């Protein structure tokens, strides 16, 4: 529960507001999952908590470590569904990529998660536990979680309420104490929820674009038929931004499909004058995708055209591909539930 909800919940028991802050610190800063160990609470209060509540803390069913240091965790949820999250080390940053749904309903043609279909939304408890697990793992080796990105399984804004509750915990000084610029929500462009979340929380946004025209984007991303490219870009321009920050446009490059010089020039025109930066991602192949990754020279040429047009553009480094932890590769096991 976010702090205001927790305060309201404990108030029904006649408990003071500061008790909610104590509980939050134990769970999100000391990673406690047993009320008995919360020693600054009375025995009676701890007994009441143990009788009525629990902390969602399943262990990772599987941990895989990439040659580049990236770690992938598979969590088995209580109903048998499985989700994955990825911890990425990069110099002094430790970034956790978390899931918000078991599966995904959007069926983007280049993404392994969508190919597995949608099963259900995750609760805020299930979402935030991924953060607790990784943060505790890092603390045990003297490291600290620095960034959280909603770029794992699922479309976060089709689970907007639970994602918002999770963000409240991530940003709270009694939770994980992260700044808004260190929490990024990736979305395929669910326009109403994107603007509502931007008004509610000062987080960063990464919006999947993947084509510079409506017809191609609809072919790659069926959600474009409901939220067309023109409306998505208009919403990106309306997101309130603090000084120096930009909205990220994510663009997965597919060989011979959306990686031509004209595609790059069209993308430049689409973003001209906007506070938008482009994150270029060479396709990470998977068995369900009909597409191929472009050659490195094609990626570089595309980026250079954007740069020449005054558009900030970077190429995302591929991380964790050897353990299928790279962008677009998460499945949580193809079968979902344990058979």
C-alpha atoms as a PDB file:
ATOM      1  CA  UNK A   1       0.000   0.000   0.000  1.00  0.00           C
ATOM      2  CA  UNK A   2       1.180   3.534  -0.700  1.00  0.00           C
ATOM      3  CA  UNK A   3       1.668   5.544   2.482  1.00  0.00           C
ATOM      4  CA  UNK A   4      -1.725   7.375   2.474  1.00  0.00           C
ATOM      5  CA  UNK A   5      -3.547   4.050   2.035  1.00  0.00           C
ATOM      6  CA  UNK A   6      -1.488   2.467   4.784  1.00  0.00           C
ATOM      7  CA  UNK A   7      -2.226   5.394   7.142  1.00  0.00           C
ATOM      8  CA  UNK A   8      -5.951   5.036   6.447  1.00  0.00           C
ATOM      9  CA  UNK A   9      -5.806   1.273   6.938  1.00  0.00           C
ATOM     10  CA  UNK A  10      -4.045   1.525  10.311  1.00  0.00           C
ATOM     11  CA  UNK A  11      -6.334   4.354  11.440  1.00  0.00           C
ATOM     12  CA  UNK A  12      -9.198   1.831  11.469  1.00  0.00           C
ATOM     13  CA  UNK A  13      -7.284   0.074  14.242  1.00  0.00           C
ATOM     14  CA  UNK A  14      -6.797   3.356  16.079  1.00  0.00           C
ATOM     15  CA  UNK A  15      -3.087   3.499  15.208  1.00  0.00           C
ATOM     16  CA  UNK A  16      -1.166   6.743  14.797  1.00  0.00           C
ATOM     17  CA  UNK A  17      -0.055   7.975  11.352  1.00  0.00           C
ATOM     18  CA  UNK A  18       3.626   7.505  12.158  1.00  0.00           C
ATOM     19  CA  UNK A  19       3.070   3.750  12.458  1.00  0.00           C
ATOM     20  CA  UNK A  20       2.542   3.642   8.692  1.00  0.00           C
ATOM     21  CA  UNK A  21       5.913   5.326   8.186  1.00  0.00           C
ATOM     22  CA  UNK A  22       7.546   2.768  10.484  1.00  0.00           C
ATOM     23  CA  UNK A  23       6.019  -0.120   8.543  1.00  0.00           C
ATOM     24  CA  UNK A  24       7.044   1.378   5.207  1.00  0.00           C
ATOM     25  CA  UNK A  25      10.655   1.759   6.319  1.00  0.00           C
ATOM     26  CA  UNK A  26      10.776  -1.843   7.523  1.00  0.00           C
ATOM     27  CA  UNK A  27       9.395  -3.233   4.259  1.00  0.00           C
ATOM     28  CA  UNK A  28      11.009  -1.006   1.627  1.00  0.00           C
ATOM     29  CA  UNK A  29      14.245   0.109   3.300  1.00  0.00           C
ATOM     30  CA  UNK A  30      15.094  -2.850   5.533  1.00  0.00           C
ATOM     31  CA  UNK A  31      13.354  -5.421   3.298  1.00  0.00           C
ATOM     32  CA  UNK A  32      11.578  -7.119   6.203  1.00  0.00           C
ATOM     33  CA  UNK A  33       8.953  -9.698   5.258  1.00  0.00           C
ATOM     34  CA  UNK A  34       8.131 -10.904   8.785  1.00  0.00           C
ATOM     35  CA  UNK A  35       6.291  -8.649  11.236  1.00  0.00           C
ATOM     36  CA  UNK A  36       7.929 -10.409  14.188  1.00  0.00           C
ATOM     37  CA  UNK A  37      11.248  -8.761  13.333  1.00  0.00           C
ATOM     38  CA  UNK A  38       9.870  -5.196  13.403  1.00  0.00           C
ATOM     39  CA  UNK A  39      11.250  -4.545  16.855  1.00  0.00           C
ATOM     40  CA  UNK A  40      10.164  -0.905  17.314  1.00  0.00           C
ATOM     41  CA  UNK A  41       6.509  -2.008  17.143  1.00  0.00           C
ATOM     42  CA  UNK A  42       4.781  -3.372  20.222  1.00  0.00           C
ATOM     43  CA  UNK A  43       4.307  -7.137  20.529  1.00  0.00           C
ATOM     44  CA  UNK A  44       0.553  -6.644  20.469  1.00  0.00           C
ATOM     45  CA  UNK A  45       0.725  -4.602  17.256  1.00  0.00           C
ATOM     46  CA  UNK A  46       3.022  -7.131  15.608  1.00  0.00           C
ATOM     47  CA  UNK A  47       0.645  -9.933  16.557  1.00  0.00           C
ATOM     48  CA  UNK A  48      -2.291  -8.009  15.073  1.00  0.00           C
ATOM     49  CA  UNK A  49      -0.373  -7.418  11.847  1.00  0.00           C
ATOM     50  CA  UNK A  50       0.648 -11.076  11.589  1.00  0.00           C
ATOM     51  CA  UNK A  51      -2.959 -12.158  12.113  1.00  0.00           C
ATOM     52  CA  UNK A  52      -4.455  -9.774   9.533  1.00  0.00           C
ATOM     53  CA  UNK A  53      -1.744  -8.974   6.958  1.00  0.00           C
ATOM     54  CA  UNK A  54       1.201 -10.390   5.098  1.00  0.00           C
ATOM     55  CA  UNK A  55       4.113  -9.111   3.053  1.00  0.00           C
ATOM     56  CA  UNK A  56       4.171 -10.550  -0.481  1.00  0.00           C
ATOM     57  CA  UNK A  57       7.719 -11.925  -0.787  1.00  0.00           C
ATOM     58  CA  UNK A  58       8.066 -15.021  -2.989  1.00  0.00           C
ATOM     59  CA  UNK A  59      11.662 -15.994  -3.759  1.00  0.00           C
ATOM     60  CA  UNK A  60      12.873 -15.947  -7.346  1.00  0.00           C
ATOM     61  CA  UNK A  61      12.211 -19.366  -8.836  1.00  0.00           C
ATOM     62  CA  UNK A  62      15.101 -18.919 -11.226  1.00  0.00           C
ATOM     63  CA  UNK A  63      18.076 -16.534 -11.418  1.00  0.00           C
ATOM     64  CA  UNK A  64      20.189 -16.292 -14.572  1.00  0.00           C
ATOM     65  CA  UNK A  65      23.340 -14.207 -14.933  1.00  0.00           C
ATOM     66  CA  UNK A  66      24.577 -12.929 -18.295  1.00  0.00           C
ATOM     67  CA  UNK A  67      28.212 -12.714 -19.349  1.00  0.00           C
ATOM     68  CA  UNK A  68      27.830  -8.909 -19.169  1.00  0.00           C
ATOM     69  CA  UNK A  69      26.611  -8.994 -15.545  1.00  0.00           C
ATOM     70  CA  UNK A  70      22.907  -8.584 -16.301  1.00  0.00           C
ATOM     71  CA  UNK A  71      20.698 -10.700 -14.007  1.00  0.00           C
ATOM     72  CA  UNK A  72      17.265 -12.076 -14.888  1.00  0.00           C
ATOM     73  CA  UNK A  73      14.804 -13.195 -12.205  1.00  0.00           C
ATOM     74  CA  UNK A  74      11.746 -15.375 -12.757  1.00  0.00           C
ATOM     75  CA  UNK A  75       9.007 -15.101 -10.133  1.00  0.00           C
ATOM     76  CA  UNK A  76       6.227 -17.653  -9.797  1.00  0.00           C
ATOM     77  CA  UNK A  77       3.073 -15.849  -8.645  1.00  0.00           C
ATOM     78  CA  UNK A  78       0.568 -17.441  -6.278  1.00  0.00           C
ATOM     79  CA  UNK A  79      -1.804 -18.515  -9.051  1.00  0.00           C
ATOM     80  CA  UNK A  80       1.019 -20.171 -10.995  1.00  0.00           C
ATOM     81  CA  UNK A  81       1.676 -17.369 -13.465  1.00  0.00           C
ATOM     82  CA  UNK A  82       5.301 -16.437 -14.059  1.00  0.00           C
ATOM     83  CA  UNK A  83       6.881 -13.031 -14.713  1.00  0.00           C
ATOM     84  CA  UNK A  84      10.436 -11.844 -15.232  1.00  0.00           C
ATOM     85  CA  UNK A  85      12.466  -8.806 -14.218  1.00  0.00           C
ATOM     86  CA  UNK A  86      15.995  -7.799 -15.187  1.00  0.00           C
ATOM     87  CA  UNK A  87      18.735  -6.090 -13.157  1.00  0.00           C
ATOM     88  CA  UNK A  88      21.240  -4.223 -15.322  1.00  0.00           C
ATOM     89  CA  UNK A  89      24.588  -2.926 -13.985  1.00  0.00           C
ATOM     90  CA  UNK A  90      26.112   0.034 -15.817  1.00  0.00           C
ATOM     91  CA  UNK A  91      29.054   1.873 -14.228  1.00  0.00           C
ATOM     92  CA  UNK A  92      27.632   3.277 -10.974  1.00  0.00           C
ATOM     93  CA  UNK A  93      23.983   2.711 -11.966  1.00  0.00           C
ATOM     94  CA  UNK A  94      21.892  -0.306 -11.064  1.00  0.00           C
ATOM     95  CA  UNK A  95      18.711  -0.345 -13.152  1.00  0.00           C
ATOM     96  CA  UNK A  96      15.837  -2.750 -12.562  1.00  0.00           C
ATOM     97  CA  UNK A  97      13.450  -3.501 -15.425  1.00  0.00           C
ATOM     98  CA  UNK A  98      10.140  -4.684 -13.948  1.00  0.00           C
ATOM     99  CA  UNK A  99       6.971  -6.319 -15.265  1.00  0.00           C
ATOM    100  CA  UNK A 100       3.443  -5.029 -14.676  1.00  0.00           C
ATOM    101  CA  UNK A 101       1.399  -7.771 -16.367  1.00  0.00           C
ATOM    102  CA  UNK A 102       1.641 -11.509 -16.837  1.00  0.00           C
ATOM    103  CA  UNK A 103       1.912 -11.488 -20.603  1.00  0.00           C
ATOM    104  CA  UNK A 104       0.730  -8.626 -22.811  1.00  0.00           C
ATOM    105  CA  UNK A 105      -2.379  -7.990 -24.887  1.00  0.00           C
ATOM    106  CA  UNK A 106      -0.853  -5.621 -27.467  1.00  0.00           C
ATOM    107  CA  UNK A 107       0.587  -8.258 -29.858  1.00  0.00           C
ATOM    108  CA  UNK A 108       3.360  -6.069 -31.263  1.00  0.00           C
ATOM    109  CA  UNK A 109       4.883  -8.211 -34.000  1.00  0.00           C
ATOM    110  CA  UNK A 110       8.498  -7.887 -32.860  1.00  0.00           C
ATOM    111  CA  UNK A 111       8.015  -8.613 -29.130  1.00  0.00           C
ATOM    112  CA  UNK A 112       8.237 -12.039 -27.474  1.00  0.00           C
ATOM    113  CA  UNK A 113       6.018 -11.007 -24.562  1.00  0.00           C
ATOM    114  CA  UNK A 114       3.116 -10.122 -26.848  1.00  0.00           C
ATOM    115  CA  UNK A 115       3.560 -13.361 -28.781  1.00  0.00           C
ATOM    116  CA  UNK A 116       2.814 -15.257 -25.560  1.00  0.00           C
ATOM    117  CA  UNK A 117      -0.564 -13.540 -25.104  1.00  0.00           C
ATOM    118  CA  UNK A 118      -2.130 -11.787 -22.115  1.00  0.00           C
ATOM    119  CA  UNK A 119      -3.016 -13.577 -18.907  1.00  0.00           C
ATOM    120  CA  UNK A 120      -3.677 -10.960 -16.234  1.00  0.00           C
ATOM    121  CA  UNK A 121      -2.688  -7.708 -14.568  1.00  0.00           C
ATOM    122  CA  UNK A 122      -0.290  -7.844 -11.640  1.00  0.00           C
ATOM    123  CA  UNK A 123      -1.144  -6.312  -8.269  1.00  0.00           C
ATOM    124  CA  UNK A 124       0.941  -3.507  -6.785  1.00  0.00           C
ATOM    125  CA  UNK A 125       2.216  -6.052  -4.235  1.00  0.00           C
ATOM    126  CA  UNK A 126       3.486  -8.313  -7.025  1.00  0.00           C
ATOM    127  CA  UNK A 127       4.983  -5.403  -8.963  1.00  0.00           C
ATOM    128  CA  UNK A 128       6.773  -3.776  -6.028  1.00  0.00           C
ATOM    129  CA  UNK A 129       8.082  -7.110  -4.745  1.00  0.00           C
ATOM    130  CA  UNK A 130      10.336  -7.275  -7.809  1.00  0.00           C
ATOM    131  CA  UNK A 131      11.914  -4.042  -6.543  1.00  0.00           C
ATOM    132  CA  UNK A 132      12.196  -5.305  -2.961  1.00  0.00           C
ATOM    133  CA  UNK A 133      13.891  -8.489  -4.130  1.00  0.00           C
ATOM    134  CA  UNK A 134      16.453  -6.703  -6.307  1.00  0.00           C
ATOM    135  CA  UNK A 135      17.129  -3.935  -3.783  1.00  0.00           C
ATOM    136  CA  UNK A 136      17.737  -6.473  -1.023  1.00  0.00           C
ATOM    137  CA  UNK A 137      20.006  -8.507  -3.310  1.00  0.00           C
ATOM    138  CA  UNK A 138      22.018  -5.380  -4.114  1.00  0.00           C
ATOM    139  CA  UNK A 139      22.233  -4.261  -0.468  1.00  0.00           C
ATOM    140  CA  UNK A 140      23.699  -7.618   0.529  1.00  0.00           C
ATOM    141  CA  UNK A 141      26.678  -6.882  -1.711  1.00  0.00           C
ATOM    142  CA  UNK A 142      27.009  -3.234  -0.709  1.00  0.00           C
ATOM    143  CA  UNK A 143      25.234  -1.797  -3.752  1.00  0.00           C
ATOM    144  CA  UNK A 144      22.141   0.339  -4.166  1.00  0.00           C
ATOM    145  CA  UNK A 145      19.278   0.346  -6.631  1.00  0.00           C
ATOM    146  CA  UNK A 146      19.427   3.596  -8.619  1.00  0.00           C
ATOM    147  CA  UNK A 147      16.768   3.322 -11.366  1.00  0.00           C
ATOM    148  CA  UNK A 148      13.512   1.474 -12.000  1.00  0.00           C
ATOM    149  CA  UNK A 149      12.010   1.129 -15.478  1.00  0.00           C
ATOM    150  CA  UNK A 150       8.582  -0.305 -16.297  1.00  0.00           C
ATOM    151  CA  UNK A 151       9.934  -1.995 -19.427  1.00  0.00           C
ATOM    152  CA  UNK A 152       9.389  -5.646 -18.581  1.00  0.00           C
ATOM    153  CA  UNK A 153       6.402  -7.778 -19.434  1.00  0.00           C
ATOM    154  CA  UNK A 154       3.129  -6.016 -20.173  1.00  0.00           C
ATOM    155  CA  UNK A 155       1.781  -2.575 -21.056  1.00  0.00           C
ATOM    156  CA  UNK A 156       1.980  -0.593 -17.791  1.00  0.00           C
ATOM    157  CA  UNK A 157      -0.803   1.826 -18.699  1.00  0.00           C
ATOM    158  CA  UNK A 158      -3.288  -0.987 -19.193  1.00  0.00           C
ATOM    159  CA  UNK A 159      -2.708  -1.606 -15.488  1.00  0.00           C
ATOM    160  CA  UNK A 160      -2.520   2.071 -14.594  1.00  0.00           C
ATOM    161  CA  UNK A 161      -3.972   1.957 -11.077  1.00  0.00           C
ATOM    162  CA  UNK A 162      -1.588  -0.670  -9.741  1.00  0.00           C
ATOM    163  CA  UNK A 163       1.364   0.917 -11.552  1.00  0.00           C
ATOM    164  CA  UNK A 164       0.497   4.298 -10.002  1.00  0.00           C
ATOM    165  CA  UNK A 165       0.335   2.742  -6.529  1.00  0.00           C
ATOM    166  CA  UNK A 166       3.748   1.180  -7.118  1.00  0.00           C
ATOM    167  CA  UNK A 167       5.206   4.503  -8.284  1.00  0.00           C
ATOM    168  CA  UNK A 168       3.956   6.175  -5.101  1.00  0.00           C
ATOM    169  CA  UNK A 169       6.030   3.674  -3.099  1.00  0.00           C
ATOM    170  CA  UNK A 170       9.072   4.095  -5.347  1.00  0.00           C
ATOM    171  CA  UNK A 171       9.039   7.895  -4.936  1.00  0.00           C
ATOM    172  CA  UNK A 172       8.127   8.069  -1.232  1.00  0.00           C
ATOM    173  CA  UNK A 173      10.882   9.037   1.202  1.00  0.00           C
ATOM    174  CA  UNK A 174       9.493   6.249   3.392  1.00  0.00           C
ATOM    175  CA  UNK A 175       9.612   3.839   0.432  1.00  0.00           C
ATOM    176  CA  UNK A 176      12.537   3.634  -1.977  1.00  0.00           C
ATOM    177  CA  UNK A 177      13.155   7.383  -2.111  1.00  0.00           C
ATOM    178  CA  UNK A 178      13.791   7.516  -5.860  1.00  0.00           C
ATOM    179  CA  UNK A 179      13.466  10.772  -7.791  1.00  0.00           C
ATOM    180  CA  UNK A 180      10.983  10.983 -10.648  1.00  0.00           C
ATOM    181  CA  UNK A 181      13.725  11.143 -13.262  1.00  0.00           C
ATOM    182  CA  UNK A 182      14.976   7.740 -12.055  1.00  0.00           C
ATOM    183  CA  UNK A 183      11.619   6.024 -12.628  1.00  0.00           C
ATOM    184  CA  UNK A 184      10.633   5.471 -16.265  1.00  0.00           C
ATOM    185  CA  UNK A 185       7.302   4.199 -17.561  1.00  0.00           C
ATOM    186  CA  UNK A 186       7.470   2.639 -21.022  1.00  0.00           C
ATOM    187  CA  UNK A 187       4.228   2.598 -22.982  1.00  0.00           C
ATOM    188  CA  UNK A 188       2.959   1.851 -26.463  1.00  0.00           C
ATOM    189  CA  UNK A 189       1.047   5.126 -26.251  1.00  0.00           C
ATOM    190  CA  UNK A 190      -2.145   4.630 -24.212  1.00  0.00           C
ATOM    191  CA  UNK A 191      -2.870   8.350 -24.502  1.00  0.00           C
ATOM    192  CA  UNK A 192      -5.440   9.118 -21.741  1.00  0.00           C
ATOM    193  CA  UNK A 193      -3.608   7.118 -19.075  1.00  0.00           C
ATOM    194  CA  UNK A 194      -0.231   8.491 -20.174  1.00  0.00           C
ATOM    195  CA  UNK A 195      -1.343  12.081 -19.652  1.00  0.00           C
ATOM    196  CA  UNK A 196      -3.141  11.252 -16.391  1.00  0.00           C
ATOM    197  CA  UNK A 197      -0.066   9.508 -14.959  1.00  0.00           C
ATOM    198  CA  UNK A 198       2.167  12.392 -16.074  1.00  0.00           C
ATOM    199  CA  UNK A 199      -0.038  14.800 -14.110  1.00  0.00           C
ATOM    200  CA  UNK A 200       0.008  12.540 -11.041  1.00  0.00           C
ATOM    201  CA  UNK A 201       3.703  11.619 -10.859  1.00  0.00           C
ATOM    202  CA  UNK A 202       6.874  13.438 -12.059  1.00  0.00           C
ATOM    203  CA  UNK A 203       8.263  10.290 -13.696  1.00  0.00           C
ATOM    204  CA  UNK A 204       9.987   9.862 -17.047  1.00  0.00           C
ATOM    205  CA  UNK A 205       8.235   8.381 -20.071  1.00  0.00           C
ATOM    206  CA  UNK A 206       9.515   6.191 -22.903  1.00  0.00           C
ATOM    207  CA  UNK A 207       6.999   5.788 -25.718  1.00  0.00           C
ATOM    208  CA  UNK A 208       7.254   3.005 -28.324  1.00  0.00           C
ATOM    209  CA  UNK A 209       6.977   4.589 -31.781  1.00  0.00           C
ATOM    210  CA  UNK A 210       8.676   2.136 -34.201  1.00  0.00           C
ATOM    211  CA  UNK A 211       7.365   3.748 -37.382  1.00  0.00           C
ATOM    212  CA  UNK A 212       7.059   7.263 -38.783  1.00  0.00           C
ATOM    213  CA  UNK A 213       3.705   6.749 -40.527  1.00  0.00           C
ATOM    214  CA  UNK A 214       0.299   5.488 -39.476  1.00  0.00           C
ATOM    215  CA  UNK A 215       0.055   2.528 -41.891  1.00  0.00           C
ATOM    216  CA  UNK A 216       3.350   0.918 -40.908  1.00  0.00           C
ATOM    217  CA  UNK A 217       2.858   1.553 -37.192  1.00  0.00           C
ATOM    218  CA  UNK A 218      -0.574  -0.110 -37.346  1.00  0.00           C
ATOM    219  CA  UNK A 219       0.995  -3.133 -39.048  1.00  0.00           C
ATOM    220  CA  UNK A 220       3.686  -3.397 -36.359  1.00  0.00           C
ATOM    221  CA  UNK A 221       1.582  -2.284 -33.388  1.00  0.00           C
ATOM    222  CA  UNK A 222      -2.188  -2.967 -33.591  1.00  0.00           C
ATOM    223  CA  UNK A 223      -2.799  -0.484 -30.728  1.00  0.00           C
ATOM    224  CA  UNK A 224      -2.102   2.282 -33.293  1.00  0.00           C
ATOM    225  CA  UNK A 225      -5.619   1.775 -34.646  1.00  0.00           C
ATOM    226  CA  UNK A 226      -7.004   2.972 -31.297  1.00  0.00           C
ATOM    227  CA  UNK A 227      -4.311   5.514 -30.435  1.00  0.00           C
ATOM    228  CA  UNK A 228      -2.858   6.673 -33.780  1.00  0.00           C
ATOM    229  CA  UNK A 229       0.658   7.988 -34.129  1.00  0.00           C
ATOM    230  CA  UNK A 230      -0.455  11.613 -34.540  1.00  0.00           C
ATOM    231  CA  UNK A 231      -2.304  11.509 -31.200  1.00  0.00           C
ATOM    232  CA  UNK A 232       0.566   9.738 -29.431  1.00  0.00           C
ATOM    233  CA  UNK A 233       3.128  12.322 -30.578  1.00  0.00           C
ATOM    234  CA  UNK A 234       0.766  15.158 -29.651  1.00  0.00           C
ATOM    235  CA  UNK A 235       0.445  13.649 -26.151  1.00  0.00           C
ATOM    236  CA  UNK A 236       4.242  13.321 -25.883  1.00  0.00           C
ATOM    237  CA  UNK A 237       4.508  17.038 -26.608  1.00  0.00           C
ATOM    238  CA  UNK A 238       1.996  17.780 -23.823  1.00  0.00           C
ATOM    239  CA  UNK A 239       3.706  15.830 -21.031  1.00  0.00           C
ATOM    240  CA  UNK A 240       4.845  18.324 -18.372  1.00  0.00           C
ATOM    241  CA  UNK A 241       8.624  18.234 -18.137  1.00  0.00           C
ATOM    242  CA  UNK A 242      11.063  19.637 -15.637  1.00  0.00           C
ATOM    243  CA  UNK A 243      13.914  21.731 -16.985  1.00  0.00           C
ATOM    244  CA  UNK A 244      16.369  19.779 -19.123  1.00  0.00           C
ATOM    245  CA  UNK A 245      14.285  16.615 -19.388  1.00  0.00           C
ATOM    246  CA  UNK A 246      12.855  15.040 -22.524  1.00  0.00           C
ATOM    247  CA  UNK A 247      10.366  12.317 -23.389  1.00  0.00           C
ATOM    248  CA  UNK A 248      12.039   9.272 -24.937  1.00  0.00           C
ATOM    249  CA  UNK A 249      10.771   7.814 -28.200  1.00  0.00           C
ATOM    250  CA  UNK A 250      11.712   4.148 -28.446  1.00  0.00           C
ATOM    251  CA  UNK A 251      12.291   2.895 -31.980  1.00  0.00           C
ATOM    252  CA  UNK A 252      12.964  -0.794 -32.632  1.00  0.00           C
ATOM    253  CA  UNK A 253      14.832  -1.097 -35.938  1.00  0.00           C
ATOM    254  CA  UNK A 254      13.699  -3.945 -38.216  1.00  0.00           C
ATOM    255  CA  UNK A 255      15.817  -4.742 -41.249  1.00  0.00           C
ATOM    256  CA  UNK A 256      14.124  -3.715 -44.494  1.00  0.00           C
ATOM    257  CA  UNK A 257      10.954  -2.623 -42.680  1.00  0.00           C
ATOM    258  CA  UNK A 258      11.504   0.676 -40.829  1.00  0.00           C
ATOM    259  CA  UNK A 259      15.241   1.346 -41.079  1.00  0.00           C
ATOM    260  CA  UNK A 260      15.586   3.207 -44.383  1.00  0.00           C
ATOM    261  CA  UNK A 261      17.020   6.706 -44.842  1.00  0.00           C
ATOM    262  CA  UNK A 262      13.523   7.963 -45.661  1.00  0.00           C
ATOM    263  CA  UNK A 263      12.189   6.436 -42.432  1.00  0.00           C
ATOM    264  CA  UNK A 264      14.845   8.376 -40.520  1.00  0.00           C
ATOM    265  CA  UNK A 265      14.023  11.628 -42.311  1.00  0.00           C
ATOM    266  CA  UNK A 266      10.289  11.119 -41.694  1.00  0.00           C
ATOM    267  CA  UNK A 267      10.963  10.503 -38.004  1.00  0.00           C
ATOM    268  CA  UNK A 268      13.012  13.707 -37.859  1.00  0.00           C
ATOM    269  CA  UNK A 269      10.099  15.672 -39.307  1.00  0.00           C
ATOM    270  CA  UNK A 270       7.679  14.049 -36.848  1.00  0.00           C
ATOM    271  CA  UNK A 271       9.687  15.178 -33.812  1.00  0.00           C
ATOM    272  CA  UNK A 272      10.952  18.533 -35.060  1.00  0.00           C
ATOM    273  CA  UNK A 273      10.785  21.186 -32.331  1.00  0.00           C
ATOM    274  CA  UNK A 274       9.673  18.745 -29.612  1.00  0.00           C
ATOM    275  CA  UNK A 275      11.462  17.891 -26.376  1.00  0.00           C
ATOM    276  CA  UNK A 276      11.860  14.294 -27.511  1.00  0.00           C
ATOM    277  CA  UNK A 277      14.966  12.125 -27.736  1.00  0.00           C
ATOM    278  CA  UNK A 278      15.115   8.916 -29.736  1.00  0.00           C
ATOM    279  CA  UNK A 279      16.347   5.615 -28.320  1.00  0.00           C
ATOM    280  CA  UNK A 280      17.248   3.299 -31.200  1.00  0.00           C
ATOM    281  CA  UNK A 281      17.008  -0.425 -30.450  1.00  0.00           C
ATOM    282  CA  UNK A 282      18.200  -3.005 -32.950  1.00  0.00           C
ATOM    283  CA  UNK A 283      15.715  -5.889 -32.897  1.00  0.00           C
ATOM    284  CA  UNK A 284      16.511  -8.589 -30.373  1.00  0.00           C
ATOM    285  CA  UNK A 285      15.390 -11.698 -32.285  1.00  0.00           C
ATOM    286  CA  UNK A 286      13.102 -14.397 -30.892  1.00  0.00           C
ATOM    287  CA  UNK A 287      11.556 -17.476 -32.422  1.00  0.00           C
ATOM    288  CA  UNK A 288       8.058 -15.996 -32.824  1.00  0.00           C
ATOM    289  CA  UNK A 289       9.195 -12.926 -34.788  1.00  0.00           C
ATOM    290  CA  UNK A 290       9.241 -12.784 -38.617  1.00  0.00           C
ATOM    291  CA  UNK A 291      11.649  -9.822 -38.538  1.00  0.00           C
ATOM    292  CA  UNK A 292      15.445  -9.556 -38.691  1.00  0.00           C
ATOM    293  CA  UNK A 293      17.857  -7.253 -36.939  1.00  0.00           C
ATOM    294  CA  UNK A 294      19.536  -4.615 -39.116  1.00  0.00           C
ATOM    295  CA  UNK A 295      23.276  -4.471 -39.656  1.00  0.00           C
ATOM    296  CA  UNK A 296      25.259  -2.147 -37.421  1.00  0.00           C
ATOM    297  CA  UNK A 297      26.025   0.207 -40.293  1.00  0.00           C
ATOM    298  CA  UNK A 298      22.290   0.605 -40.953  1.00  0.00           C
ATOM    299  CA  UNK A 299      21.700   1.528 -37.311  1.00  0.00           C
ATOM    300  CA  UNK A 300      24.552   4.054 -37.384  1.00  0.00           C
ATOM    301  CA  UNK A 301      23.311   5.619 -40.619  1.00  0.00           C
ATOM    302  CA  UNK A 302      19.775   5.962 -39.220  1.00  0.00           C
ATOM    303  CA  UNK A 303      21.110   7.626 -36.056  1.00  0.00           C
ATOM    304  CA  UNK A 304      23.337  10.000 -38.012  1.00  0.00           C
ATOM    305  CA  UNK A 305      20.399  11.208 -40.114  1.00  0.00           C
ATOM    306  CA  UNK A 306      18.486  12.026 -36.928  1.00  0.00           C
ATOM    307  CA  UNK A 307      21.490  13.802 -35.425  1.00  0.00           C
ATOM    308  CA  UNK A 308      22.017  15.857 -38.586  1.00  0.00           C
ATOM    309  CA  UNK A 309      18.387  16.984 -38.338  1.00  0.00           C
ATOM    310  CA  UNK A 310      18.911  18.183 -34.761  1.00  0.00           C
ATOM    311  CA  UNK A 311      17.178  15.235 -33.062  1.00  0.00           C
ATOM    312  CA  UNK A 312      18.963  13.784 -30.029  1.00  0.00           C
ATOM    313  CA  UNK A 313      19.426  10.061 -30.724  1.00  0.00           C
ATOM    314  CA  UNK A 314      21.288   7.254 -28.995  1.00  0.00           C
ATOM    315  CA  UNK A 315      21.665   3.554 -29.748  1.00  0.00           C
ATOM    316  CA  UNK A 316      20.737   1.312 -26.844  1.00  0.00           C
ATOM    317  CA  UNK A 317      23.439  -1.155 -25.970  1.00  0.00           C
ATOM    318  CA  UNK A 318      22.228  -4.738 -26.062  1.00  0.00           C
ATOM    319  CA  UNK A 319      22.383  -6.245 -22.569  1.00  0.00           C
ATOM    320  CA  UNK A 320      21.601  -9.767 -21.392  1.00  0.00           C
ATOM    321  CA  UNK A 321      20.836 -11.206 -24.830  1.00  0.00           C
ATOM    322  CA  UNK A 322      22.611 -14.467 -23.994  1.00  0.00           C
ATOM    323  CA  UNK A 323      20.025 -15.169 -21.275  1.00  0.00           C
ATOM    324  CA  UNK A 324      17.096 -13.753 -23.305  1.00  0.00           C
ATOM    325  CA  UNK A 325      16.884 -10.718 -21.028  1.00  0.00           C
ATOM    326  CA  UNK A 326      17.231  -8.024 -23.703  1.00  0.00           C
ATOM    327  CA  UNK A 327      14.485  -5.646 -24.804  1.00  0.00           C
ATOM    328  CA  UNK A 328      11.493  -7.554 -26.231  1.00  0.00           C
ATOM    329  CA  UNK A 329      12.690 -11.014 -25.155  1.00  0.00           C
ATOM    330  CA  UNK A 330      10.922 -11.542 -21.808  1.00  0.00           C
ATOM    331  CA  UNK A 331       8.315 -14.296 -21.716  1.00  0.00           C
ATOM    332  CA  UNK A 332       8.047 -15.533 -18.126  1.00  0.00           C
ATOM    333  CA  UNK A 333       8.129 -19.018 -19.695  1.00  0.00           C
ATOM    334  CA  UNK A 334       6.151 -19.647 -22.821  1.00  0.00           C
ATOM    335  CA  UNK A 335       3.503 -21.729 -21.083  1.00  0.00           C
ATOM    336  CA  UNK A 336       2.792 -19.251 -18.307  1.00  0.00           C
ATOM    337  CA  UNK A 337       1.396 -21.475 -15.563  1.00  0.00           C
ATOM    338  CA  UNK A 338       3.240 -24.503 -14.346  1.00  0.00           C
ATOM    339  CA  UNK A 339       1.828 -27.531 -16.129  1.00  0.00           C
END
